[in-house]
Amino acid sequence: MSESLERMLAFARRIAYEAGQITLRYFQQEVTIERKADASPVTIADREAERYLRTAITAAYPDHAVLGEEDGLTG
């Protein structure tokens, strides 16, 4: 694996871990479940984790697009 891909993989692992930490703050807590336009459920934990991931990816890789479950495609 090239050094560039190794750095990207390390970055992806780090931000995935951090997003997991965000969602764990809501574990076994009462959370409100909202419905998206397609009627699928979404929670504040989902939204905060995706917001963190989008922000981190955009900061590190401004030329990359991000496709997420909650907010779709950006970039």
N, C-alpha and C. Protein backbone atom coordinates (compact mmCIF):
# COMPACT_ATOMS: atom_id res chain seq x y z
N MET A 1 0.85 -1.17 0.00
CA MET A 1 0.00 0.00 0.00
C MET A 1 0.90 1.23 0.00
N SER A 2 0.54 2.22 -0.80
CA SER A 2 1.36 3.42 -0.87
C SER A 2 1.25 4.22 0.42
N GLU A 3 2.24 5.08 0.65
CA GLU A 3 2.23 5.90 1.86
C GLU A 3 0.99 6.78 1.91
N SER A 4 0.57 7.29 0.77
CA SER A 4 -0.62 8.14 0.73
C SER A 4 -1.87 7.37 1.15
N LEU A 5 -2.02 6.16 0.65
CA LEU A 5 -3.17 5.34 1.03
C LEU A 5 -3.10 4.94 2.50
N GLU A 6 -1.92 4.66 2.99
CA GLU A 6 -1.77 4.33 4.41
C GLU A 6 -2.17 5.50 5.29
N ARG A 7 -1.78 6.72 4.90
CA ARG A 7 -2.17 7.90 5.67
C ARG A 7 -3.67 8.10 5.64
N MET A 8 -4.28 7.90 4.47
CA MET A 8 -5.73 8.04 4.35
C MET A 8 -6.45 7.00 5.20
N LEU A 9 -5.95 5.78 5.20
CA LEU A 9 -6.56 4.73 6.00
C LEU A 9 -6.43 5.04 7.49
N ALA A 10 -5.28 5.51 7.91
CA ALA A 10 -5.09 5.89 9.32
C ALA A 10 -6.03 7.03 9.69
N PHE A 11 -6.18 7.99 8.80
CA PHE A 11 -7.11 9.10 9.03
C PHE A 11 -8.54 8.58 9.15
N ALA A 12 -8.94 7.71 8.23
CA ALA A 12 -10.30 7.16 8.25
C ALA A 12 -10.56 6.39 9.54
N ARG A 13 -9.59 5.62 9.97
CA ARG A 13 -9.76 4.86 11.23
C ARG A 13 -9.90 5.81 12.42
N ARG A 14 -9.08 6.86 12.43
CA ARG A 14 -9.12 7.81 13.55
C ARG A 14 -10.46 8.53 13.62
N ILE A 15 -10.94 9.02 12.49
CA ILE A 15 -12.21 9.76 12.55
C ILE A 15 -13.40 8.83 12.76
N ALA A 16 -13.30 7.59 12.30
CA ALA A 16 -14.37 6.62 12.58
C ALA A 16 -14.44 6.36 14.08
N TYR A 17 -13.29 6.22 14.71
CA TYR A 17 -13.25 6.03 16.16
C TYR A 17 -13.86 7.23 16.87
N GLU A 18 -13.47 8.43 16.45
CA GLU A 18 -14.00 9.65 17.07
C GLU A 18 -15.50 9.77 16.87
N ALA A 19 -16.00 9.43 15.70
CA ALA A 19 -17.45 9.46 15.46
C ALA A 19 -18.14 8.46 16.37
N GLY A 20 -17.51 7.32 16.59
CA GLY A 20 -18.07 6.34 17.52
C GLY A 20 -18.14 6.88 18.94
N GLN A 21 -17.13 7.65 19.34
CA GLN A 21 -17.15 8.27 20.66
C GLN A 21 -18.31 9.26 20.78
N ILE A 22 -18.58 9.97 19.71
CA ILE A 22 -19.71 10.91 19.71
C ILE A 22 -21.01 10.15 19.93
N THR A 23 -21.20 9.06 19.21
CA THR A 23 -22.45 8.31 19.35
C THR A 23 -22.57 7.65 20.72
N LEU A 24 -21.45 7.26 21.31
CA LEU A 24 -21.49 6.62 22.63
C LEU A 24 -22.00 7.55 23.72
N ARG A 25 -21.88 8.85 23.51
CA ARG A 25 -22.42 9.79 24.51
C ARG A 25 -23.93 9.62 24.66
N TYR A 26 -24.57 9.08 23.63
CA TYR A 26 -26.02 8.92 23.64
C TYR A 26 -26.46 7.50 23.98
N PHE A 27 -25.50 6.59 24.16
CA PHE A 27 -25.81 5.20 24.43
C PHE A 27 -26.60 5.08 25.73
N GLN A 28 -27.67 4.33 25.68
CA GLN A 28 -28.57 4.08 26.80
C GLN A 28 -29.15 5.37 27.38
N GLN A 29 -29.33 6.37 26.52
CA GLN A 29 -29.97 7.62 26.89
C GLN A 29 -31.28 7.73 26.13
N GLU A 30 -32.18 8.50 26.66
CA GLU A 30 -33.41 8.79 25.93
C GLU A 30 -33.06 9.75 24.79
N VAL A 31 -33.35 9.36 23.58
CA VAL A 31 -33.13 10.25 22.44
C VAL A 31 -34.41 10.32 21.62
N THR A 32 -34.61 11.46 21.04
CA THR A 32 -35.76 11.64 20.17
C THR A 32 -35.42 11.10 18.79
N ILE A 33 -36.32 10.31 18.26
CA ILE A 33 -36.14 9.79 16.90
C ILE A 33 -36.97 10.66 15.98
N GLU A 34 -36.28 11.26 15.02
CA GLU A 34 -36.95 12.06 14.00
C GLU A 34 -37.11 11.20 12.76
N ARG A 35 -37.89 11.69 11.83
CA ARG A 35 -38.07 11.00 10.55
C ARG A 35 -37.56 11.89 9.43
N LYS A 36 -36.75 11.29 8.57
CA LYS A 36 -36.26 12.02 7.40
C LYS A 36 -37.37 12.04 6.35
N ALA A 37 -37.13 12.72 5.26
CA ALA A 37 -38.13 12.85 4.20
C ALA A 37 -38.61 11.50 3.69
N ASP A 38 -37.73 10.50 3.71
CA ASP A 38 -38.11 9.16 3.24
C ASP A 38 -38.70 8.30 4.35
N ALA A 39 -38.97 8.92 5.50
CA ALA A 39 -39.58 8.27 6.68
C ALA A 39 -38.61 7.37 7.45
N SER A 40 -37.35 7.34 7.08
CA SER A 40 -36.38 6.55 7.84
C SER A 40 -35.99 7.31 9.11
N PRO A 41 -35.65 6.57 10.17
CA PRO A 41 -35.35 7.21 11.45
C PRO A 41 -33.95 7.83 11.48
N VAL A 42 -33.82 8.89 12.27
CA VAL A 42 -32.52 9.53 12.48
C VAL A 42 -32.53 10.14 13.89
N THR A 43 -31.39 10.07 14.56
CA THR A 43 -31.27 10.64 15.90
C THR A 43 -30.21 11.74 15.91
N ILE A 44 -30.16 12.47 17.00
CA ILE A 44 -29.13 13.49 17.17
C ILE A 44 -27.74 12.85 17.13
N ALA A 45 -27.61 11.64 17.64
CA ALA A 45 -26.32 10.94 17.59
C ALA A 45 -25.89 10.71 16.14
N ASP A 46 -26.84 10.29 15.30
CA ASP A 46 -26.55 10.09 13.88
C ASP A 46 -26.07 11.39 13.24
N ARG A 47 -26.81 12.44 13.49
CA ARG A 47 -26.51 13.74 12.87
C ARG A 47 -25.17 14.30 13.35
N GLU A 48 -24.90 14.21 14.64
CA GLU A 48 -23.64 14.74 15.17
C GLU A 48 -22.44 13.95 14.65
N ALA A 49 -22.57 12.65 14.58
CA ALA A 49 -21.46 11.83 14.07
C ALA A 49 -21.18 12.16 12.62
N GLU A 50 -22.23 12.27 11.81
CA GLU A 50 -22.02 12.60 10.40
C GLU A 50 -21.46 14.00 10.25
N ARG A 51 -21.93 14.93 11.03
CA ARG A 51 -21.42 16.31 10.96
C ARG A 51 -19.92 16.33 11.27
N TYR A 52 -19.52 15.58 12.30
CA TYR A 52 -18.10 15.49 12.65
C TYR A 52 -17.30 14.91 11.49
N LEU A 53 -17.78 13.80 10.92
CA LEU A 53 -17.07 13.16 9.82
C LEU A 53 -16.94 14.08 8.62
N ARG A 54 -18.02 14.75 8.25
CA ARG A 54 -17.99 15.68 7.11
C ARG A 54 -16.99 16.80 7.35
N THR A 55 -17.01 17.35 8.55
CA THR A 55 -16.09 18.45 8.87
C THR A 55 -14.64 17.99 8.81
N ALA A 56 -14.36 16.84 9.38
CA ALA A 56 -13.00 16.30 9.40
C ALA A 56 -12.51 15.99 7.99
N ILE A 57 -13.35 15.34 7.19
CA ILE A 57 -12.95 14.98 5.83
C ILE A 57 -12.74 16.22 4.98
N THR A 58 -13.66 17.16 5.07
CA THR A 58 -13.55 18.39 4.28
C THR A 58 -12.30 19.19 4.66
N ALA A 59 -11.96 19.21 5.95
CA ALA A 59 -10.76 19.93 6.39
C ALA A 59 -9.49 19.25 5.87
N ALA A 60 -9.46 17.94 5.91
CA ALA A 60 -8.26 17.19 5.51
C ALA A 60 -8.15 17.02 4.00
N TYR A 61 -9.30 16.89 3.35
CA TYR A 61 -9.33 16.62 1.91
C TYR A 61 -10.36 17.53 1.25
N PRO A 62 -10.06 18.81 1.11
CA PRO A 62 -11.05 19.76 0.60
C PRO A 62 -11.52 19.48 -0.82
N ASP A 63 -10.77 18.72 -1.60
CA ASP A 63 -11.17 18.40 -2.97
C ASP A 63 -12.03 17.14 -3.06
N HIS A 64 -12.28 16.49 -1.94
CA HIS A 64 -13.05 15.25 -1.94
C HIS A 64 -14.53 15.53 -1.68
N ALA A 65 -15.38 14.75 -2.31
CA ALA A 65 -16.81 14.80 -2.02
C ALA A 65 -17.10 13.84 -0.87
N VAL A 66 -18.20 14.09 -0.18
CA VAL A 66 -18.60 13.23 0.94
C VAL A 66 -20.04 12.80 0.71
N LEU A 67 -20.28 11.50 0.76
CA LEU A 67 -21.62 10.95 0.64
C LEU A 67 -21.98 10.34 1.99
N GLY A 68 -23.00 10.90 2.63
CA GLY A 68 -23.39 10.42 3.95
C GLY A 68 -24.84 9.98 3.98
N GLU A 69 -25.16 9.18 4.96
CA GLU A 69 -26.52 8.65 5.09
C GLU A 69 -27.53 9.73 5.43
N GLU A 70 -27.15 10.69 6.27
CA GLU A 70 -28.11 11.67 6.74
C GLU A 70 -28.26 12.87 5.80
N ASP A 71 -27.15 13.38 5.28
CA ASP A 71 -27.18 14.61 4.49
C ASP A 71 -26.85 14.43 3.02
N GLY A 72 -26.70 13.21 2.56
CA GLY A 72 -26.46 12.98 1.15
C GLY A 72 -25.07 13.41 0.70
N LEU A 73 -24.99 13.88 -0.55
CA LEU A 73 -23.72 14.20 -1.19
C LEU A 73 -23.39 15.67 -1.03
N THR A 74 -22.15 15.94 -0.63
CA THR A 74 -21.63 17.31 -0.61
C THR A 74 -20.25 17.30 -1.23
N GLY A 75 -19.88 18.42 -1.80
CA GLY A 75 -18.54 18.58 -2.37
C GLY A 75 -18.44 18.25 -3.81
